Amino acid sequence: MTDNPHTPKDLPHGEDLLQYRNLFQRAPIGIIRTSPDGKILEGNQACAEMLGYQTFEDFAIDSADSISFLYQEPHHRQILLDQLANTDQSQHFESRLRRKDGSLFDCRLHVRAGRDAGGMIRYLESFIEDISRQKDIEHALQDSAERYRSVFENTGTATIIIESDTTVSLANERFVALTGYTKDEIEGKMQWP
């Protein structure tokens, strides 16, 4: 029989507890613990700032009833609870949350359930990353790719892109019309002399 690495004797105490508390408070991502019905139990300053509050206490006061109002789609919290009810695994998903001023931001949530001895969910621990900048970059790249594709397809000139091994990786419709081959026969298969 192996020892459980998380037995009570191994839980932090004294100075170790203070170090863990500092780690929690200074973490660069939002951390929040809530009850299943959405009551705030604990959280860190990064969470408060991400949501547009000066302090976590201010956020907790505004959210005294439930944090469901944070979700752009309030039913997302219920979906998360339903997923957690059937697993002990952390759940990871993206959502849009609402800041104090009403503006929305994209975030990635990592959530796990803390359970009592009977297996009932006592609390949810959530780690929140603001991924708004990443989403903006993804959208900008998609827009750029669409513009490139549009220019490539609509030049009026037969155009292909040839890889270093001489394989044609992309052909526009004008090239297809001139050669009589289909895109499927050209792209990734045809070698350019």
Protein backbone atom coordinates (compact mmCIF):
# COMPACT_ATOMS: atom_id res chain seq x y z
CA MET A 1 0.00 0.00 0.00
CA THR A 2 1.39 3.40 -0.99
CA ASP A 3 1.06 6.55 1.07
CA ASN A 4 -1.31 9.22 -0.17
CA PRO A 5 0.85 12.26 -0.96
CA HIS A 6 -1.95 14.55 0.22
CA THR A 7 -2.53 13.22 3.70
CA PRO A 8 -3.30 15.83 6.39
CA LYS A 9 0.23 15.57 7.82
CA ASP A 10 1.53 16.88 4.48
CA LEU A 11 -0.81 19.86 4.23
CA PRO A 12 0.95 23.21 4.55
CA HIS A 13 1.03 24.90 7.94
CA GLY A 14 2.75 27.90 9.50
CA GLU A 15 5.24 29.53 7.17
CA ASP A 16 4.45 27.03 4.40
CA LEU A 17 0.80 28.07 4.54
CA LEU A 18 1.84 31.72 4.22
CA GLN A 19 3.94 30.85 1.16
CA TYR A 20 1.00 29.05 -0.46
CA ARG A 21 -1.29 31.99 0.36
CA ASN A 22 1.20 34.37 -1.29
CA LEU A 23 1.45 32.10 -4.33
CA PHE A 24 -2.35 32.09 -4.61
CA GLN A 25 -2.66 35.86 -4.22
CA ARG A 26 0.19 36.70 -6.62
CA ALA A 27 -0.65 34.21 -9.37
CA PRO A 28 -0.77 35.92 -12.79
CA ILE A 29 -4.08 34.25 -13.68
CA GLY A 30 -7.46 34.57 -12.03
CA ILE A 31 -8.22 31.99 -9.36
CA ILE A 32 -11.65 31.73 -7.78
CA ARG A 33 -13.46 29.23 -5.58
CA THR A 34 -17.26 29.25 -5.66
CA SER A 35 -20.08 27.17 -4.26
CA PRO A 36 -22.15 25.11 -6.72
CA ASP A 37 -24.88 27.79 -6.58
CA GLY A 38 -22.40 30.51 -7.57
CA LYS A 39 -21.55 32.11 -4.22
CA ILE A 40 -17.98 33.38 -3.99
CA LEU A 41 -15.89 31.63 -1.37
CA GLU A 42 -12.41 32.90 -2.21
CA GLY A 43 -10.36 34.41 -5.00
CA ASN A 44 -7.24 36.32 -5.90
CA GLN A 45 -6.40 39.85 -7.00
CA ALA A 46 -5.69 38.83 -10.61
CA CYS A 47 -9.27 37.57 -10.88
CA ALA A 48 -10.62 40.88 -9.56
CA GLU A 49 -8.50 42.95 -11.95
CA MET A 50 -9.41 40.76 -14.91
CA LEU A 51 -13.07 41.48 -14.14
CA GLY A 52 -12.48 45.23 -13.78
CA TYR A 53 -12.45 45.57 -9.99
CA GLN A 54 -9.88 47.30 -7.78
CA THR A 55 -9.97 44.58 -5.15
CA PHE A 56 -11.33 41.08 -4.83
CA GLU A 57 -13.49 42.28 -1.94
CA ASP A 58 -15.23 44.79 -4.27
CA PHE A 59 -15.93 41.98 -6.73
CA ALA A 60 -17.25 39.72 -3.96
CA ILE A 61 -19.65 42.45 -2.77
CA ASP A 62 -21.01 43.03 -6.30
CA SER A 63 -21.35 39.29 -6.80
CA ALA A 64 -22.91 38.41 -3.45
CA ASP A 65 -25.91 36.61 -5.01
CA SER A 66 -24.18 34.61 -7.75
CA ILE A 67 -21.46 34.85 -10.36
CA SER A 68 -23.77 33.66 -13.15
CA PHE A 69 -24.10 37.26 -14.35
CA LEU A 70 -20.44 37.14 -15.38
CA TYR A 71 -21.13 34.77 -18.25
CA GLN A 72 -22.21 36.26 -21.58
CA GLU A 73 -24.20 33.06 -21.93
CA PRO A 74 -25.41 32.35 -18.36
CA HIS A 75 -26.32 28.75 -19.25
CA HIS A 76 -22.58 28.02 -19.71
CA ARG A 77 -22.21 27.75 -15.94
CA GLN A 78 -24.95 25.12 -15.79
CA ILE A 79 -23.34 23.20 -18.65
CA LEU A 80 -20.08 23.24 -16.70
CA LEU A 81 -21.82 21.99 -13.54
CA ASP A 82 -23.45 19.20 -15.54
CA GLN A 83 -20.07 18.15 -16.94
CA LEU A 84 -18.43 18.21 -13.51
CA ALA A 85 -21.23 16.15 -11.97
CA ASN A 86 -20.11 13.14 -14.00
CA THR A 87 -16.33 13.33 -13.68
CA ASP A 88 -13.50 14.00 -11.29
CA GLN A 89 -11.41 15.39 -14.15
CA SER A 90 -10.80 19.10 -14.61
CA GLN A 91 -12.89 20.65 -17.35
CA HIS A 92 -11.37 23.08 -19.82
CA PHE A 93 -13.37 25.35 -22.05
CA GLU A 94 -13.56 28.84 -23.50
CA SER A 95 -16.22 31.36 -22.69
CA ARG A 96 -16.89 35.07 -22.74
CA LEU A 97 -17.12 36.81 -19.38
CA ARG A 98 -18.48 40.23 -18.48
CA ARG A 99 -16.38 42.87 -16.73
CA LYS A 100 -17.71 45.34 -14.19
CA ASP A 101 -18.19 47.95 -16.95
CA GLY A 102 -20.22 45.47 -19.04
CA SER A 103 -17.53 44.85 -21.66
CA LEU A 104 -16.87 41.25 -22.64
CA PHE A 105 -13.60 39.36 -22.86
CA ASP A 106 -12.62 35.91 -24.07
CA CYS A 107 -11.25 33.57 -21.46
CA ARG A 108 -10.10 30.02 -21.01
CA LEU A 109 -11.45 28.33 -17.89
CA HIS A 110 -9.90 25.35 -16.13
CA VAL A 111 -12.36 24.13 -13.52
CA ARG A 112 -12.38 21.25 -11.08
CA ALA A 113 -14.87 20.21 -8.44
CA GLY A 114 -14.02 19.76 -4.77
CA ARG A 115 -16.20 17.04 -3.27
CA ASP A 116 -17.26 15.96 0.18
CA ALA A 117 -16.85 12.40 1.51
CA GLY A 118 -20.16 11.43 -0.12
CA GLY A 119 -19.05 12.63 -3.55
CA MET A 120 -21.25 15.74 -3.62
CA ILE A 121 -19.73 18.89 -5.13
CA ARG A 122 -18.81 21.29 -2.29
CA TYR A 123 -17.08 23.93 -4.39
CA LEU A 124 -15.62 24.71 -7.81
CA GLU A 125 -12.03 25.85 -8.26
CA SER A 126 -11.55 27.87 -11.42
CA PHE A 127 -8.42 29.15 -13.07
CA ILE A 128 -9.19 31.92 -15.55
CA GLU A 129 -6.93 33.11 -18.37
CA ASP A 130 -7.78 36.21 -20.38
CA ILE A 131 -7.23 35.12 -23.99
CA SER A 132 -8.67 38.23 -25.66
CA ARG A 133 -5.36 39.16 -27.24
CA GLN A 134 -4.89 35.64 -28.62
CA LYS A 135 -8.42 35.73 -30.07
CA ASP A 136 -7.74 39.12 -31.68
CA ILE A 137 -4.57 37.75 -33.28
CA GLU A 138 -6.42 34.64 -34.51
CA HIS A 139 -9.13 36.81 -36.09
CA ALA A 140 -6.54 39.09 -37.70
CA LEU A 141 -4.72 36.06 -39.15
CA GLN A 142 -7.99 34.64 -40.49
CA ASP A 143 -8.87 37.98 -42.09
CA SER A 144 -5.40 38.22 -43.63
CA ALA A 145 -5.62 34.66 -44.98
CA GLU A 146 -9.05 35.38 -46.48
CA ARG A 147 -7.76 38.55 -48.17
CA TYR A 148 -4.71 36.68 -49.50
CA ARG A 149 -6.94 33.88 -50.77
CA SER A 150 -9.24 36.41 -52.46
CA VAL A 151 -6.34 38.16 -54.22
CA PHE A 152 -4.81 34.81 -55.19
CA GLU A 153 -8.09 33.55 -56.68
CA ASN A 154 -9.07 36.79 -58.43
CA THR A 155 -5.87 37.99 -60.10
CA GLY A 156 -7.06 37.00 -63.56
CA THR A 157 -3.73 35.27 -64.09
CA ALA A 158 -3.06 31.56 -63.74
CA THR A 159 -1.16 31.32 -60.46
CA ILE A 160 0.33 28.47 -58.46
CA ILE A 161 2.46 28.16 -55.35
CA ILE A 162 5.32 25.68 -55.61
CA GLU A 163 7.01 24.18 -52.56
CA SER A 164 10.78 23.55 -52.32
CA ASP A 165 10.29 19.94 -53.44
CA THR A 166 8.53 21.29 -56.61
CA THR A 167 5.09 20.11 -55.47
CA VAL A 168 2.26 22.49 -56.34
CA SER A 169 0.64 23.31 -53.00
CA LEU A 170 -1.93 25.83 -54.23
CA ALA A 171 -3.50 26.60 -57.60
CA ASN A 172 -6.09 29.22 -58.46
CA GLU A 173 -9.18 28.68 -60.62
CA ARG A 174 -7.56 30.32 -63.68
CA PHE A 175 -4.70 27.78 -63.54
CA VAL A 176 -7.24 24.95 -63.21
CA ALA A 177 -9.16 26.24 -66.26
CA LEU A 178 -5.98 26.52 -68.37
CA THR A 179 -4.62 23.07 -67.51
CA GLY A 180 -7.88 21.10 -67.47
CA TYR A 181 -6.91 19.39 -64.20
CA THR A 182 -9.00 19.65 -61.04
CA LYS A 183 -7.62 21.23 -57.86
CA ASP A 184 -7.61 17.77 -56.29
CA GLU A 185 -5.39 16.51 -59.11
CA ILE A 186 -3.02 19.47 -58.79
CA GLU A 187 -2.65 20.56 -55.17
CA GLY A 188 -0.24 18.40 -53.21
CA LYS A 189 0.12 15.91 -56.07
CA MET A 190 1.46 17.62 -59.18
CA GLN A 191 5.19 18.35 -59.51
CA TRP A 192 6.18 21.48 -61.41
CA PRO A 193 9.09 20.92 -63.77
